[in-house]
């Protein structure tokens, strides 16, 4: 599939604040893991979240589709506030695709079956239609020839590309990536990042937790640095990398860019 570019009309219809996080806190027992987070993401915007291990990055994006509950503040996705209301949670999850660190594919299903499962069960698509769409997305991530194989027969990079195709099969408005390359061997990282760069070019709203700073420079509209459960700094990539303002950001970048 060729990279899509949006018309002026489509861009004019873009929704400001398709994700809004306002004064959000989260605790695990007495441990205050996320502290007063505020973030607005516009439709089509690409956000990269970075920071040291244990800074709350993954927990934060898992709250955006209610895989984790927040205890205070608001999270509003596409005008739906995430609360304990199961209908609201289901409504948001239909519009938000998620790609995890460890693929989370069903080992007993083929690649094609993994991709068709949610569209058939959640979107109620006829099987033939779901399979046609799945093949289109497998082509987009450049592995249509793997459709009849099982996840265990694929490399890590191929499995992660299947996971991206599976998320896209639900035609989400927003994609969340939780360290999608951190479990991969170095030679497989580029193939997954290339797919994500192509996806970013198609106008998809994306939030990606990653240590891949080259990807952040190429794709992000904004880079957000988190530490100790707080958003410490956010800026466009050129400014973030060339002129970080906060000492914690400076220290993190020195450490990570030396490797």
Protein backbone atom coordinates (compact mmCIF):
# COMPACT_ATOMS: atom_id res chain seq x y z
CA UNK A 1 0.00 0.00 0.00
CA UNK A 2 1.41 3.37 -0.88
CA UNK A 3 1.85 6.04 1.74
CA UNK A 4 -1.32 8.09 2.00
CA UNK A 5 -1.37 11.84 2.20
CA UNK A 6 -4.40 13.68 3.43
CA UNK A 7 -6.36 16.24 1.48
CA UNK A 8 -6.76 19.78 2.79
CA UNK A 9 -10.39 18.93 3.61
CA UNK A 10 -9.34 15.97 5.77
CA UNK A 11 -6.77 18.08 7.57
CA UNK A 12 -9.38 20.77 8.20
CA UNK A 13 -11.58 18.18 9.91
CA UNK A 14 -8.84 17.09 12.31
CA UNK A 15 -10.02 16.88 15.86
CA UNK A 16 -8.16 18.95 18.46
CA UNK A 17 -7.56 17.06 21.69
CA UNK A 18 -8.58 13.59 20.46
CA UNK A 19 -6.82 12.47 23.67
CA UNK A 20 -7.01 14.67 26.77
CA UNK A 21 -5.39 13.77 30.07
CA UNK A 22 -6.17 16.21 32.89
CA UNK A 23 -4.66 16.08 36.38
CA UNK A 24 -4.28 12.30 36.24
CA UNK A 25 -2.85 10.32 39.17
CA UNK A 26 -2.34 6.62 39.72
CA UNK A 27 -1.26 4.61 42.74
CA UNK A 28 -0.27 0.98 43.28
CA UNK A 29 -1.20 0.68 46.94
CA UNK A 30 0.91 3.39 48.63
CA UNK A 31 3.21 3.83 45.63
CA UNK A 32 2.33 6.99 43.71
CA UNK A 33 3.25 5.81 40.20
CA UNK A 34 1.79 8.66 38.06
CA UNK A 35 1.65 12.22 39.38
CA UNK A 36 -0.59 14.97 38.02
CA UNK A 37 -0.17 14.16 34.33
CA UNK A 38 -1.59 16.61 31.78
CA UNK A 39 -1.44 16.01 28.03
CA UNK A 40 -3.52 16.91 24.96
CA UNK A 41 -2.91 15.06 21.71
CA UNK A 42 -4.50 16.32 18.48
CA UNK A 43 -5.77 14.04 15.75
CA UNK A 44 -2.89 12.98 13.48
CA UNK A 45 -0.26 14.05 16.02
CA UNK A 46 2.69 11.74 16.71
CA UNK A 47 4.00 11.68 20.26
CA UNK A 48 7.09 9.83 21.50
CA UNK A 49 7.41 9.23 25.26
CA UNK A 50 10.87 8.44 26.62
CA UNK A 51 12.49 8.22 30.03
CA UNK A 52 14.41 5.85 32.31
CA UNK A 53 13.03 2.42 33.27
CA UNK A 54 10.42 2.66 36.01
CA UNK A 55 9.43 6.22 35.13
CA UNK A 56 5.77 5.27 34.50
CA UNK A 57 5.78 5.53 30.68
CA UNK A 58 4.15 2.15 29.96
CA UNK A 59 1.68 2.53 32.81
CA UNK A 60 0.69 5.92 31.40
CA UNK A 61 -0.18 4.69 27.92
CA UNK A 62 -1.89 1.58 29.33
CA UNK A 63 -4.22 3.96 31.19
CA UNK A 64 -5.24 5.53 27.85
CA UNK A 65 -7.20 2.40 26.89
CA UNK A 66 -7.96 1.37 30.48
CA UNK A 67 -5.63 -1.61 30.67
CA UNK A 68 -4.66 0.17 33.88
CA UNK A 69 -7.06 2.23 36.02
CA UNK A 70 -6.25 5.74 37.13
CA UNK A 71 -7.56 6.90 40.51
CA UNK A 72 -7.75 10.65 40.07
CA UNK A 73 -8.17 13.17 37.24
CA UNK A 74 -9.63 12.62 33.76
CA UNK A 75 -8.74 10.71 30.60
CA UNK A 76 -10.95 11.56 27.62
CA UNK A 77 -10.44 9.71 24.32
CA UNK A 78 -12.40 10.82 21.24
CA UNK A 79 -14.89 12.64 23.52
CA UNK A 80 -15.47 9.56 25.73
CA UNK A 81 -14.29 9.76 29.35
CA UNK A 82 -12.71 6.59 30.71
CA UNK A 83 -14.46 5.60 33.92
CA UNK A 84 -15.58 2.26 35.38
CA UNK A 85 -18.43 2.24 32.82
CA UNK A 86 -17.75 -0.85 30.70
CA UNK A 87 -19.58 0.64 27.69
CA UNK A 88 -17.20 3.60 27.70
CA UNK A 89 -14.18 1.30 27.99
CA UNK A 90 -15.41 -0.87 25.08
CA UNK A 91 -16.14 2.22 22.99
CA UNK A 92 -12.61 3.58 23.50
CA UNK A 93 -10.92 0.22 22.90
CA UNK A 94 -12.66 -0.10 19.54
CA UNK A 95 -10.92 3.12 18.43
CA UNK A 96 -7.51 2.55 20.05
CA UNK A 97 -5.06 -0.06 18.72
CA UNK A 98 -2.24 -1.23 20.96
CA UNK A 99 1.06 -2.92 20.16
CA UNK A 100 2.92 -4.46 23.09
CA UNK A 101 6.55 -5.25 23.81
CA UNK A 102 5.97 -9.02 23.64
CA UNK A 103 3.66 -9.32 20.60
CA UNK A 104 0.79 -11.06 22.54
CA UNK A 105 -0.22 -13.16 19.52
CA UNK A 106 -2.28 -16.32 19.98
CA UNK A 107 0.22 -19.18 19.33
CA UNK A 108 -2.50 -21.68 18.27
CA UNK A 109 -3.90 -19.39 15.54
CA UNK A 110 -2.33 -18.63 12.18
CA UNK A 111 -1.18 -15.10 11.35
CA UNK A 112 -4.36 -14.55 9.30
CA UNK A 113 -6.59 -15.90 12.12
CA UNK A 114 -4.84 -13.64 14.67
CA UNK A 115 -5.61 -10.63 12.47
CA UNK A 116 -9.26 -11.59 11.80
CA UNK A 117 -10.31 -12.45 15.35
CA UNK A 118 -11.24 -8.97 16.66
CA UNK A 119 -12.84 -7.62 13.45
CA UNK A 120 -15.11 -10.70 13.34
CA UNK A 121 -16.00 -10.75 17.05
CA UNK A 122 -15.96 -7.05 17.93
CA UNK A 123 -16.78 -5.27 14.66
CA UNK A 124 -19.00 -8.18 13.46
CA UNK A 125 -17.33 -8.24 10.03
CA UNK A 126 -18.13 -11.21 7.78
CA UNK A 127 -15.16 -13.58 7.69
CA UNK A 128 -14.43 -13.04 3.99
CA UNK A 129 -14.34 -9.26 4.47
CA UNK A 130 -12.15 -9.59 7.58
CA UNK A 131 -9.71 -11.85 5.73
CA UNK A 132 -9.49 -9.48 2.75
CA UNK A 133 -8.74 -6.53 5.08
CA UNK A 134 -6.21 -8.62 7.04
CA UNK A 135 -4.33 -9.50 3.84
CA UNK A 136 -4.27 -5.82 2.89
CA UNK A 137 -2.67 -4.90 6.24
CA UNK A 138 -0.24 -7.85 6.12
CA UNK A 139 0.82 -6.50 2.75
CA UNK A 140 1.24 -3.08 4.27
CA UNK A 141 3.63 -4.47 6.90
CA UNK A 142 5.33 -6.48 4.12
CA UNK A 143 4.60 -10.06 5.23
CA UNK A 144 1.54 -11.26 3.23
CA UNK A 145 3.45 -14.48 2.46
CA UNK A 146 3.39 -15.43 6.18
CA UNK A 147 -0.43 -15.46 6.47
CA UNK A 148 -0.80 -19.23 6.87
CA UNK A 149 2.06 -19.66 9.35
CA UNK A 150 1.82 -19.78 13.15
CA UNK A 151 3.55 -17.12 15.30
CA UNK A 152 6.14 -19.67 16.53
CA UNK A 153 7.37 -20.11 12.94
CA UNK A 154 8.20 -16.39 12.59
CA UNK A 155 11.12 -14.23 13.72
CA UNK A 156 10.55 -11.66 16.47
CA UNK A 157 10.50 -8.83 13.94
CA UNK A 158 7.91 -10.64 11.82
CA UNK A 159 5.76 -11.35 14.89
CA UNK A 160 5.82 -7.68 15.85
CA UNK A 161 4.79 -6.71 12.32
CA UNK A 162 1.88 -9.16 12.60
CA UNK A 163 0.94 -7.48 15.90
CA UNK A 164 0.89 -4.08 14.14
CA UNK A 165 -1.22 -5.49 11.27
CA UNK A 166 -3.61 -7.07 13.79
CA UNK A 167 -4.11 -3.72 15.54
CA UNK A 168 -4.66 -1.96 12.20
CA UNK A 169 -7.33 -4.51 11.20
CA UNK A 170 -9.66 -2.85 13.72
CA UNK A 171 -9.22 0.44 11.78
CA UNK A 172 -8.38 2.39 14.95
CA UNK A 173 -8.24 6.18 15.12
CA UNK A 174 -5.29 6.01 17.54
CA UNK A 175 -2.33 3.64 17.87
CA UNK A 176 -0.42 3.11 21.12
CA UNK A 177 3.00 1.44 21.00
CA UNK A 178 4.53 0.19 24.26
CA UNK A 179 8.28 -0.27 23.62
CA UNK A 180 7.56 -2.22 20.42
CA UNK A 181 11.23 -2.91 19.61
CA UNK A 182 12.73 -3.53 23.05
CA UNK A 183 12.27 -7.33 22.93
CA UNK A 184 13.77 -7.62 19.43
CA UNK A 185 17.26 -8.55 18.28
CA UNK A 186 19.12 -5.48 16.92
CA UNK A 187 18.90 -6.57 13.27
CA UNK A 188 15.08 -6.83 13.52
CA UNK A 189 14.50 -3.40 15.04
CA UNK A 190 14.81 -1.51 11.74
CA UNK A 191 12.15 -3.60 9.97
CA UNK A 192 9.59 -2.77 12.67
CA UNK A 193 10.56 0.91 12.85
CA UNK A 194 10.24 1.17 9.04
CA UNK A 195 6.63 -0.05 9.28
CA UNK A 196 5.92 2.48 12.04
CA UNK A 197 7.49 5.32 10.02
CA UNK A 198 5.26 4.43 7.05
CA UNK A 199 2.25 4.37 9.37
CA UNK A 200 3.17 7.78 10.79
CA UNK A 201 3.24 9.14 7.23
CA UNK A 202 -0.37 8.07 6.70
CA UNK A 203 -1.70 10.56 9.28
CA UNK A 204 -2.43 8.07 12.09
CA UNK A 205 -2.54 9.50 15.64
CA UNK A 206 0.28 7.73 17.48
CA UNK A 207 1.72 7.61 20.98
CA UNK A 208 4.89 5.55 21.21
CA UNK A 209 6.94 4.67 24.28
CA UNK A 210 10.43 3.93 23.01
CA UNK A 211 14.19 4.34 23.54
CA UNK A 212 14.74 4.61 19.77
CA UNK A 213 15.82 8.23 19.59
CA UNK A 214 16.44 8.12 15.82
CA UNK A 215 12.77 7.17 15.40
CA UNK A 216 11.75 10.06 17.67
CA UNK A 217 13.77 12.52 15.56
CA UNK A 218 12.28 11.19 12.31
CA UNK A 219 8.62 10.80 13.26
CA UNK A 220 7.61 12.71 16.40
CA UNK A 221 5.77 16.02 16.43
CA UNK A 222 6.56 16.18 20.15
CA UNK A 223 8.88 14.27 22.44
CA UNK A 224 7.84 13.87 26.08
CA UNK A 225 10.35 12.99 28.78
CA UNK A 226 9.02 11.25 31.89
CA UNK A 227 10.83 10.54 35.15
CA UNK A 228 9.55 9.32 38.53
CA UNK A 229 5.93 9.34 37.33
CA UNK A 230 5.97 12.94 36.09
CA UNK A 231 6.12 14.66 32.72
CA UNK A 232 9.38 16.57 33.17
CA UNK A 233 9.71 18.15 29.72
CA UNK A 234 8.06 18.18 26.30
CA UNK A 235 9.18 19.85 23.08
CA UNK A 236 9.43 19.33 19.31
CA UNK A 237 12.31 16.91 18.52
CA UNK A 238 14.75 19.53 17.20
CA UNK A 239 14.43 21.53 20.40
CA UNK A 240 14.24 18.47 22.67
CA UNK A 241 17.51 16.98 21.41
CA UNK A 242 19.50 20.15 20.76
CA UNK A 243 18.43 22.22 23.76
CA UNK A 244 16.88 20.19 26.63
CA UNK A 245 16.03 22.55 29.48
CA UNK A 246 15.62 20.29 32.51
CA UNK A 247 18.70 18.75 34.21
CA UNK A 248 16.97 15.34 34.38
CA UNK A 249 16.35 15.42 30.61
CA UNK A 250 19.94 16.47 29.93
CA UNK A 251 21.29 13.61 32.04
CA UNK A 252 19.01 11.04 30.36
CA UNK A 253 19.97 12.17 26.87
CA UNK A 254 23.69 12.12 27.70
CA UNK A 255 23.37 8.53 28.89
CA UNK A 256 21.19 7.23 26.06
CA UNK A 257 22.91 9.02 23.17
CA UNK A 258 26.35 7.73 24.21
CA UNK A 259 25.28 4.13 23.52
